[in-house]
Amino acid sequence: MLLQKFQNKRETSDAGFSYEYETDSDGHLTRLFWADIPGRQSYEVFGDVVSFDATYRTNKYVSFIFV
């Protein structure tokens, strides 16, 4: 449902909206990234990225994103 919403947004309302995602071998969503025009503009000004780890405390593996 979310991916369909992102697809619709990219096609119809916002030419600067983009998204990428990955799934595992069972077709479960494992990673999702999206950026819109205001987010890209904020990055240009501030140079920071906010990342949320939805798997926090759900497994023993820890991942870090450095930008």
N, C-alpha and C. Protein backbone atom coordinates (compact mmCIF):
# COMPACT_ATOMS: atom_id res chain seq x y z
N MET A 1 0.82 -1.18 0.00
CA MET A 1 0.00 0.00 0.00
C MET A 1 0.88 1.26 0.00
N LEU A 2 1.91 1.27 0.83
CA LEU A 2 2.80 2.43 0.89
C LEU A 2 3.55 2.62 -0.42
N LEU A 3 4.04 1.52 -0.98
CA LEU A 3 4.77 1.63 -2.24
C LEU A 3 3.88 2.14 -3.36
N GLN A 4 2.62 1.72 -3.37
CA GLN A 4 1.69 2.21 -4.37
C GLN A 4 1.45 3.71 -4.19
N LYS A 5 1.35 4.15 -2.95
CA LYS A 5 1.17 5.57 -2.66
C LYS A 5 2.38 6.37 -3.15
N PHE A 6 3.58 5.86 -2.89
CA PHE A 6 4.79 6.54 -3.36
C PHE A 6 4.84 6.57 -4.89
N GLN A 7 4.45 5.48 -5.53
CA GLN A 7 4.43 5.44 -7.00
C GLN A 7 3.47 6.49 -7.55
N ASN A 8 2.29 6.56 -6.96
CA ASN A 8 1.30 7.56 -7.40
C ASN A 8 1.81 8.97 -7.20
N LYS A 9 2.44 9.23 -6.07
CA LYS A 9 2.97 10.56 -5.78
C LYS A 9 4.05 10.93 -6.78
N ARG A 10 4.92 9.99 -7.08
CA ARG A 10 6.00 10.27 -8.04
C ARG A 10 5.43 10.55 -9.43
N GLU A 11 4.40 9.83 -9.82
CA GLU A 11 3.85 9.99 -11.17
C GLU A 11 2.96 11.21 -11.32
N THR A 12 2.24 11.60 -10.28
CA THR A 12 1.22 12.62 -10.46
C THR A 12 1.50 13.98 -9.83
N SER A 13 2.02 14.00 -8.64
CA SER A 13 1.99 15.28 -7.94
C SER A 13 3.33 15.96 -7.76
N ASP A 14 4.41 15.25 -7.74
CA ASP A 14 5.66 15.87 -7.34
C ASP A 14 6.81 15.29 -8.14
N ALA A 15 7.27 16.05 -9.13
CA ALA A 15 8.34 15.55 -10.00
C ALA A 15 9.66 15.38 -9.24
N GLY A 16 9.82 16.05 -8.10
CA GLY A 16 11.04 15.94 -7.32
C GLY A 16 11.00 14.83 -6.29
N PHE A 17 9.92 14.09 -6.24
CA PHE A 17 9.79 13.01 -5.26
C PHE A 17 10.41 11.74 -5.83
N SER A 18 11.23 11.09 -5.02
CA SER A 18 11.81 9.82 -5.46
C SER A 18 11.85 8.86 -4.28
N TYR A 19 11.91 7.58 -4.59
CA TYR A 19 12.00 6.57 -3.56
C TYR A 19 12.71 5.34 -4.10
N GLU A 20 13.33 4.63 -3.21
CA GLU A 20 13.99 3.36 -3.52
C GLU A 20 13.65 2.40 -2.39
N TYR A 21 13.57 1.12 -2.70
CA TYR A 21 13.28 0.14 -1.67
C TYR A 21 13.92 -1.20 -2.02
N GLU A 22 14.08 -2.03 -1.00
CA GLU A 22 14.59 -3.38 -1.18
C GLU A 22 13.67 -4.35 -0.45
N THR A 23 13.57 -5.55 -0.99
CA THR A 23 12.81 -6.61 -0.34
C THR A 23 13.70 -7.82 -0.15
N ASP A 24 13.32 -8.68 0.77
CA ASP A 24 14.07 -9.92 0.97
C ASP A 24 13.54 -10.99 0.02
N SER A 25 14.06 -12.19 0.13
CA SER A 25 13.67 -13.27 -0.78
C SER A 25 12.20 -13.67 -0.63
N ASP A 26 11.58 -13.33 0.49
CA ASP A 26 10.16 -13.61 0.70
C ASP A 26 9.25 -12.47 0.26
N GLY A 27 9.85 -11.40 -0.26
CA GLY A 27 9.07 -10.26 -0.70
C GLY A 27 8.73 -9.27 0.40
N HIS A 28 9.33 -9.42 1.58
CA HIS A 28 9.09 -8.48 2.67
C HIS A 28 9.96 -7.24 2.50
N LEU A 29 9.39 -6.09 2.74
CA LEU A 29 10.11 -4.84 2.65
C LEU A 29 11.20 -4.79 3.71
N THR A 30 12.45 -4.55 3.30
CA THR A 30 13.56 -4.51 4.25
C THR A 30 14.17 -3.12 4.38
N ARG A 31 14.13 -2.34 3.31
CA ARG A 31 14.68 -0.98 3.33
C ARG A 31 13.82 -0.07 2.48
N LEU A 32 13.70 1.17 2.94
CA LEU A 32 12.92 2.15 2.20
C LEU A 32 13.56 3.52 2.38
N PHE A 33 13.76 4.22 1.29
CA PHE A 33 14.28 5.58 1.30
C PHE A 33 13.38 6.43 0.44
N TRP A 34 13.05 7.63 0.91
CA TRP A 34 12.32 8.57 0.06
C TRP A 34 12.83 9.96 0.31
N ALA A 35 12.69 10.81 -0.72
CA ALA A 35 13.09 12.20 -0.63
C ALA A 35 12.14 13.04 -1.47
N ASP A 36 11.72 14.16 -0.90
CA ASP A 36 10.88 15.10 -1.64
C ASP A 36 11.65 16.40 -1.82
N ILE A 37 11.05 17.36 -2.50
CA ILE A 37 11.74 18.62 -2.78
C ILE A 37 12.12 19.36 -1.51
N PRO A 38 11.20 19.53 -0.54
CA PRO A 38 11.61 20.23 0.69
C PRO A 38 12.75 19.51 1.43
N GLY A 39 12.72 18.19 1.44
CA GLY A 39 13.80 17.45 2.08
C GLY A 39 15.13 17.66 1.38
N ARG A 40 15.12 17.66 0.07
CA ARG A 40 16.34 17.89 -0.70
C ARG A 40 16.87 19.31 -0.47
N GLN A 41 15.96 20.29 -0.42
CA GLN A 41 16.36 21.67 -0.16
C GLN A 41 16.96 21.81 1.24
N SER A 42 16.37 21.16 2.21
CA SER A 42 16.90 21.20 3.57
C SER A 42 18.29 20.58 3.64
N TYR A 43 18.48 19.49 2.91
CA TYR A 43 19.80 18.86 2.88
C TYR A 43 20.84 19.80 2.28
N GLU A 44 20.45 20.51 1.23
CA GLU A 44 21.37 21.47 0.61
C GLU A 44 21.79 22.55 1.60
N VAL A 45 20.85 23.01 2.43
CA VAL A 45 21.13 24.08 3.38
C VAL A 45 21.88 23.57 4.61
N PHE A 46 21.40 22.46 5.20
CA PHE A 46 21.93 22.01 6.48
C PHE A 46 22.91 20.84 6.36
N GLY A 47 22.81 20.04 5.31
CA GLY A 47 23.74 18.93 5.11
C GLY A 47 23.56 17.77 6.07
N ASP A 48 22.40 17.65 6.69
CA ASP A 48 22.15 16.58 7.64
C ASP A 48 21.09 15.63 7.11
N VAL A 49 21.13 14.41 7.61
CA VAL A 49 20.15 13.40 7.25
C VAL A 49 19.60 12.79 8.52
N VAL A 50 18.31 12.55 8.57
CA VAL A 50 17.69 11.86 9.70
C VAL A 50 17.35 10.46 9.24
N SER A 51 17.76 9.48 10.03
CA SER A 51 17.51 8.08 9.69
C SER A 51 16.81 7.40 10.85
N PHE A 52 15.80 6.61 10.56
CA PHE A 52 15.08 5.85 11.57
C PHE A 52 15.35 4.37 11.36
N ASP A 53 15.70 3.69 12.42
CA ASP A 53 15.93 2.25 12.35
C ASP A 53 14.72 1.55 12.97
N ALA A 54 13.86 1.04 12.11
CA ALA A 54 12.63 0.39 12.58
C ALA A 54 12.90 -0.96 13.22
N THR A 55 14.12 -1.46 13.10
CA THR A 55 14.45 -2.75 13.70
C THR A 55 15.12 -2.60 15.06
N TYR A 56 15.19 -1.40 15.58
CA TYR A 56 15.85 -1.16 16.86
C TYR A 56 15.30 -2.10 17.93
N ARG A 57 16.21 -2.80 18.57
CA ARG A 57 15.92 -3.75 19.63
C ARG A 57 15.13 -4.99 19.17
N THR A 58 15.07 -5.23 17.88
CA THR A 58 14.36 -6.42 17.41
C THR A 58 15.31 -7.55 17.02
N ASN A 59 16.58 -7.22 16.85
CA ASN A 59 17.56 -8.26 16.55
C ASN A 59 18.91 -7.89 17.13
N LYS A 60 19.87 -8.76 17.02
CA LYS A 60 21.18 -8.51 17.61
C LYS A 60 22.10 -7.72 16.72
N TYR A 61 21.70 -7.46 15.48
CA TYR A 61 22.53 -6.75 14.55
C TYR A 61 22.26 -5.25 14.61
N VAL A 62 23.31 -4.49 14.45
CA VAL A 62 23.19 -3.04 14.50
C VAL A 62 23.72 -2.50 13.18
N SER A 63 23.00 -1.57 12.60
CA SER A 63 23.47 -0.96 11.37
C SER A 63 23.57 0.54 11.57
N PHE A 64 24.54 1.14 10.92
CA PHE A 64 24.75 2.57 11.02
C PHE A 64 24.77 3.16 9.62
N ILE A 65 24.28 4.37 9.50
CA ILE A 65 24.33 5.09 8.24
C ILE A 65 25.14 6.35 8.48
N PHE A 66 26.23 6.50 7.74
CA PHE A 66 27.05 7.69 7.85
C PHE A 66 26.96 8.45 6.53
N VAL A 67 26.72 9.74 6.64
CA VAL A 67 26.64 10.57 5.44
C VAL A 67 27.64 11.69 5.56
